[in-house]
C-alpha cells in the first residue's frame, strides 16, 4: 500500500505505537506477523513507516494487542 508523503510523520507515529504495544504484550515482530498472517518484513515496514497499512490490518493489530484503535492513533 502506498502512503502519501504528507502523512509520513503520522505513519511513523502509528508505527511507533504499534511497536510499543507489541513489545508490551510480549510479541516479537515474527510472532505478531504469524498471528496476523503477514510476513515479518511487513510488520517491520509498518512499524518503520516504509509502507502504508490498511484499516483492516490496523483493526486486526488492535484486537490482537488488546488496545483500542483510538489509542494506536493517539500520538504523543
N, C-alpha and C. Protein backbone atom coordinates (compact mmCIF):
# COMPACT_ATOMS: atom_id res chain seq x y z
N UNK A 1 0.85 -1.18 0.00
CA UNK A 1 0.00 0.00 0.00
C UNK A 1 0.90 1.24 0.00
N UNK A 2 0.56 2.18 -0.82
CA UNK A 2 1.35 3.41 -0.95
C UNK A 2 0.78 4.46 0.00
N UNK A 3 1.69 5.22 0.62
CA UNK A 3 1.24 6.30 1.51
C UNK A 3 1.59 7.65 0.89
N UNK A 4 0.78 8.63 1.20
CA UNK A 4 1.06 9.98 0.74
C UNK A 4 2.19 10.55 1.58
N UNK A 5 3.10 11.25 0.95
CA UNK A 5 4.27 11.78 1.66
C UNK A 5 3.89 12.79 2.74
N UNK A 6 2.78 13.50 2.55
CA UNK A 6 2.39 14.48 3.56
C UNK A 6 1.86 13.84 4.85
N UNK A 7 1.67 12.51 4.82
CA UNK A 7 1.22 11.79 6.01
C UNK A 7 2.33 10.95 6.63
N UNK A 8 3.53 11.07 6.12
CA UNK A 8 4.66 10.24 6.56
C UNK A 8 4.86 10.29 8.08
N UNK A 9 4.80 11.48 8.67
CA UNK A 9 5.02 11.62 10.12
C UNK A 9 3.94 10.87 10.90
N UNK A 10 2.71 10.90 10.43
CA UNK A 10 1.64 10.19 11.12
C UNK A 10 1.86 8.68 11.05
N UNK A 11 2.31 8.20 9.90
CA UNK A 11 2.63 6.78 9.78
C UNK A 11 3.76 6.39 10.72
N UNK A 12 4.76 7.26 10.87
CA UNK A 12 5.86 6.98 11.79
C UNK A 12 5.36 6.86 13.22
N UNK A 13 4.50 7.79 13.62
CA UNK A 13 3.97 7.76 14.98
C UNK A 13 3.08 6.54 15.20
N UNK A 14 2.29 6.19 14.20
CA UNK A 14 1.47 4.98 14.28
C UNK A 14 2.37 3.76 14.44
N UNK A 15 3.42 3.69 13.64
CA UNK A 15 4.36 2.57 13.73
C UNK A 15 5.02 2.47 15.09
N UNK A 16 5.39 3.60 15.66
CA UNK A 16 5.98 3.61 17.00
C UNK A 16 4.99 3.09 18.04
N UNK A 17 3.73 3.48 17.92
CA UNK A 17 2.71 3.00 18.85
C UNK A 17 2.51 1.50 18.71
N UNK A 18 2.47 1.01 17.48
CA UNK A 18 2.29 -0.42 17.26
C UNK A 18 3.47 -1.18 17.87
N UNK A 19 4.68 -0.71 17.63
CA UNK A 19 5.87 -1.36 18.19
C UNK A 19 5.82 -1.35 19.72
N UNK A 20 5.42 -0.23 20.30
CA UNK A 20 5.34 -0.11 21.76
C UNK A 20 4.38 -1.15 22.33
N UNK A 21 3.16 -1.22 21.79
CA UNK A 21 2.16 -2.15 22.32
C UNK A 21 2.50 -3.60 21.98
N UNK A 22 3.17 -3.82 20.86
CA UNK A 22 3.62 -5.17 20.52
C UNK A 22 4.59 -5.67 21.58
N UNK A 23 5.57 -4.85 21.91
CA UNK A 23 6.57 -5.22 22.92
C UNK A 23 5.93 -5.35 24.30
N UNK A 24 5.01 -4.46 24.63
CA UNK A 24 4.32 -4.50 25.91
C UNK A 24 3.56 -5.83 26.09
N UNK A 25 3.07 -6.36 24.98
CA UNK A 25 2.33 -7.63 25.01
C UNK A 25 3.23 -8.85 24.80
N UNK A 26 4.53 -8.63 24.70
CA UNK A 26 5.47 -9.73 24.62
C UNK A 26 5.60 -10.39 23.26
N UNK A 27 5.19 -9.69 22.22
CA UNK A 27 5.31 -10.23 20.87
C UNK A 27 6.60 -9.75 20.21
N UNK A 28 7.21 -10.62 19.43
CA UNK A 28 8.27 -10.20 18.51
C UNK A 28 7.57 -9.82 17.21
N UNK A 29 8.29 -9.20 16.31
CA UNK A 29 7.70 -8.91 15.00
C UNK A 29 7.26 -10.21 14.33
N UNK A 30 8.08 -11.22 14.48
CA UNK A 30 7.76 -12.52 13.85
C UNK A 30 6.51 -13.15 14.44
N UNK A 31 6.38 -13.14 15.76
CA UNK A 31 5.21 -13.76 16.37
C UNK A 31 3.93 -12.97 16.07
N UNK A 32 4.05 -11.65 16.03
CA UNK A 32 2.89 -10.83 15.67
C UNK A 32 2.49 -11.10 14.22
N UNK A 33 3.48 -11.16 13.35
CA UNK A 33 3.22 -11.42 11.94
C UNK A 33 2.51 -12.76 11.75
N UNK A 34 2.95 -13.77 12.49
CA UNK A 34 2.31 -15.09 12.40
C UNK A 34 0.84 -15.02 12.76
N UNK A 35 0.56 -14.33 13.87
CA UNK A 35 -0.83 -14.21 14.33
C UNK A 35 -1.70 -13.44 13.32
N UNK A 36 -1.08 -12.49 12.62
CA UNK A 36 -1.81 -11.66 11.66
C UNK A 36 -1.80 -12.24 10.24
N UNK A 37 -1.08 -13.36 10.07
CA UNK A 37 -0.93 -13.97 8.76
C UNK A 37 -0.24 -13.02 7.78
N UNK A 38 0.81 -12.36 8.27
CA UNK A 38 1.62 -11.45 7.46
C UNK A 38 3.07 -11.91 7.51
N UNK A 39 3.89 -11.36 6.63
CA UNK A 39 5.34 -11.59 6.70
C UNK A 39 5.92 -10.71 7.80
N UNK A 40 7.00 -11.17 8.43
CA UNK A 40 7.68 -10.36 9.43
C UNK A 40 8.14 -9.05 8.84
N UNK A 41 8.58 -9.08 7.59
CA UNK A 41 9.04 -7.84 6.95
C UNK A 41 7.91 -6.84 6.79
N UNK A 42 6.70 -7.32 6.63
CA UNK A 42 5.55 -6.41 6.54
C UNK A 42 5.32 -5.70 7.86
N UNK A 43 5.41 -6.43 8.96
CA UNK A 43 5.27 -5.82 10.29
C UNK A 43 6.38 -4.79 10.49
N UNK A 44 7.58 -5.14 10.10
CA UNK A 44 8.70 -4.21 10.20
C UNK A 44 8.45 -2.95 9.40
N UNK A 45 7.96 -3.11 8.19
CA UNK A 45 7.69 -1.95 7.33
C UNK A 45 6.59 -1.07 7.92
N UNK A 46 5.58 -1.68 8.53
CA UNK A 46 4.52 -0.90 9.17
C UNK A 46 5.10 -0.09 10.33
N UNK A 47 5.91 -0.75 11.16
CA UNK A 47 6.48 -0.07 12.32
C UNK A 47 7.48 1.02 11.92
N UNK A 48 8.19 0.81 10.83
CA UNK A 48 9.17 1.80 10.37
C UNK A 48 8.58 2.83 9.41
N UNK A 49 7.31 2.68 9.10
CA UNK A 49 6.60 3.60 8.20
C UNK A 49 7.24 3.67 6.82
N UNK A 50 7.62 2.50 6.31
CA UNK A 50 8.15 2.46 4.95
C UNK A 50 7.11 1.95 3.96
N UNK A 51 5.89 1.70 4.47
CA UNK A 51 4.78 1.33 3.59
C UNK A 51 3.50 1.77 4.27
N UNK A 52 2.45 1.86 3.50
CA UNK A 52 1.15 2.16 4.07
C UNK A 52 0.56 0.91 4.70
N UNK A 53 -0.56 1.07 5.35
CA UNK A 53 -1.21 -0.07 6.01
C UNK A 53 -2.72 0.12 5.91
N UNK A 54 -3.43 -0.97 5.66
CA UNK A 54 -4.89 -0.88 5.53
C UNK A 54 -5.55 -0.80 6.90
N UNK A 55 -6.75 -0.30 6.91
CA UNK A 55 -7.51 -0.25 8.17
C UNK A 55 -7.81 -1.66 8.66
N UNK A 56 -8.02 -2.61 7.76
CA UNK A 56 -8.27 -3.98 8.18
C UNK A 56 -7.10 -4.50 9.03
N UNK A 57 -5.87 -4.23 8.60
CA UNK A 57 -4.69 -4.67 9.35
C UNK A 57 -4.61 -3.92 10.68
N UNK A 58 -4.90 -2.62 10.67
CA UNK A 58 -4.91 -1.85 11.92
C UNK A 58 -5.92 -2.43 12.89
N UNK A 59 -7.12 -2.75 12.40
CA UNK A 59 -8.14 -3.33 13.27
C UNK A 59 -7.68 -4.68 13.84
N UNK A 60 -7.05 -5.50 13.00
CA UNK A 60 -6.53 -6.80 13.46
C UNK A 60 -5.44 -6.62 14.52
N UNK A 61 -4.54 -5.67 14.29
CA UNK A 61 -3.48 -5.39 15.26
C UNK A 61 -4.08 -4.93 16.58
N UNK A 62 -5.05 -4.04 16.49
CA UNK A 62 -5.72 -3.52 17.68
C UNK A 62 -6.33 -4.65 18.51
N UNK A 63 -7.04 -5.55 17.84
CA UNK A 63 -7.68 -6.67 18.54
C UNK A 63 -6.64 -7.59 19.15
N UNK A 64 -5.63 -7.93 18.39
CA UNK A 64 -4.61 -8.87 18.87
C UNK A 64 -3.83 -8.31 20.05
N UNK A 65 -3.52 -7.03 20.01
CA UNK A 65 -2.76 -6.40 21.09
C UNK A 65 -3.64 -5.91 22.23
N UNK A 66 -4.96 -6.07 22.07
CA UNK A 66 -5.93 -5.66 23.09
C UNK A 66 -5.75 -4.18 23.45
N UNK A 67 -5.66 -3.39 22.41
CA UNK A 67 -5.55 -1.93 22.57
C UNK A 67 -6.52 -1.29 21.59
N UNK A 68 -7.16 -0.23 22.00
CA UNK A 68 -8.14 0.40 21.12
C UNK A 68 -7.46 1.04 19.91
N UNK A 69 -8.21 1.11 18.84
CA UNK A 69 -7.72 1.78 17.63
C UNK A 69 -7.40 3.23 17.96
N UNK A 70 -8.22 3.83 18.77
CA UNK A 70 -8.00 5.23 19.16
C UNK A 70 -6.65 5.40 19.83
N UNK A 71 -6.28 4.45 20.67
CA UNK A 71 -5.01 4.52 21.37
C UNK A 71 -3.84 4.39 20.38
N UNK A 72 -4.00 3.54 19.38
CA UNK A 72 -2.94 3.42 18.36
C UNK A 72 -2.73 4.74 17.62
N UNK A 73 -3.82 5.50 17.49
CA UNK A 73 -3.75 6.77 16.77
C UNK A 73 -3.59 7.97 17.69
N UNK A 74 -3.30 7.72 18.97
CA UNK A 74 -3.01 8.82 19.90
C UNK A 74 -1.51 9.07 19.86
N UNK A 75 -1.13 10.18 19.24
CA UNK A 75 0.28 10.48 19.03
C UNK A 75 0.75 11.46 20.10
N UNK A 76 1.85 11.08 20.76
CA UNK A 76 2.40 11.93 21.80
C UNK A 76 3.58 12.69 21.27
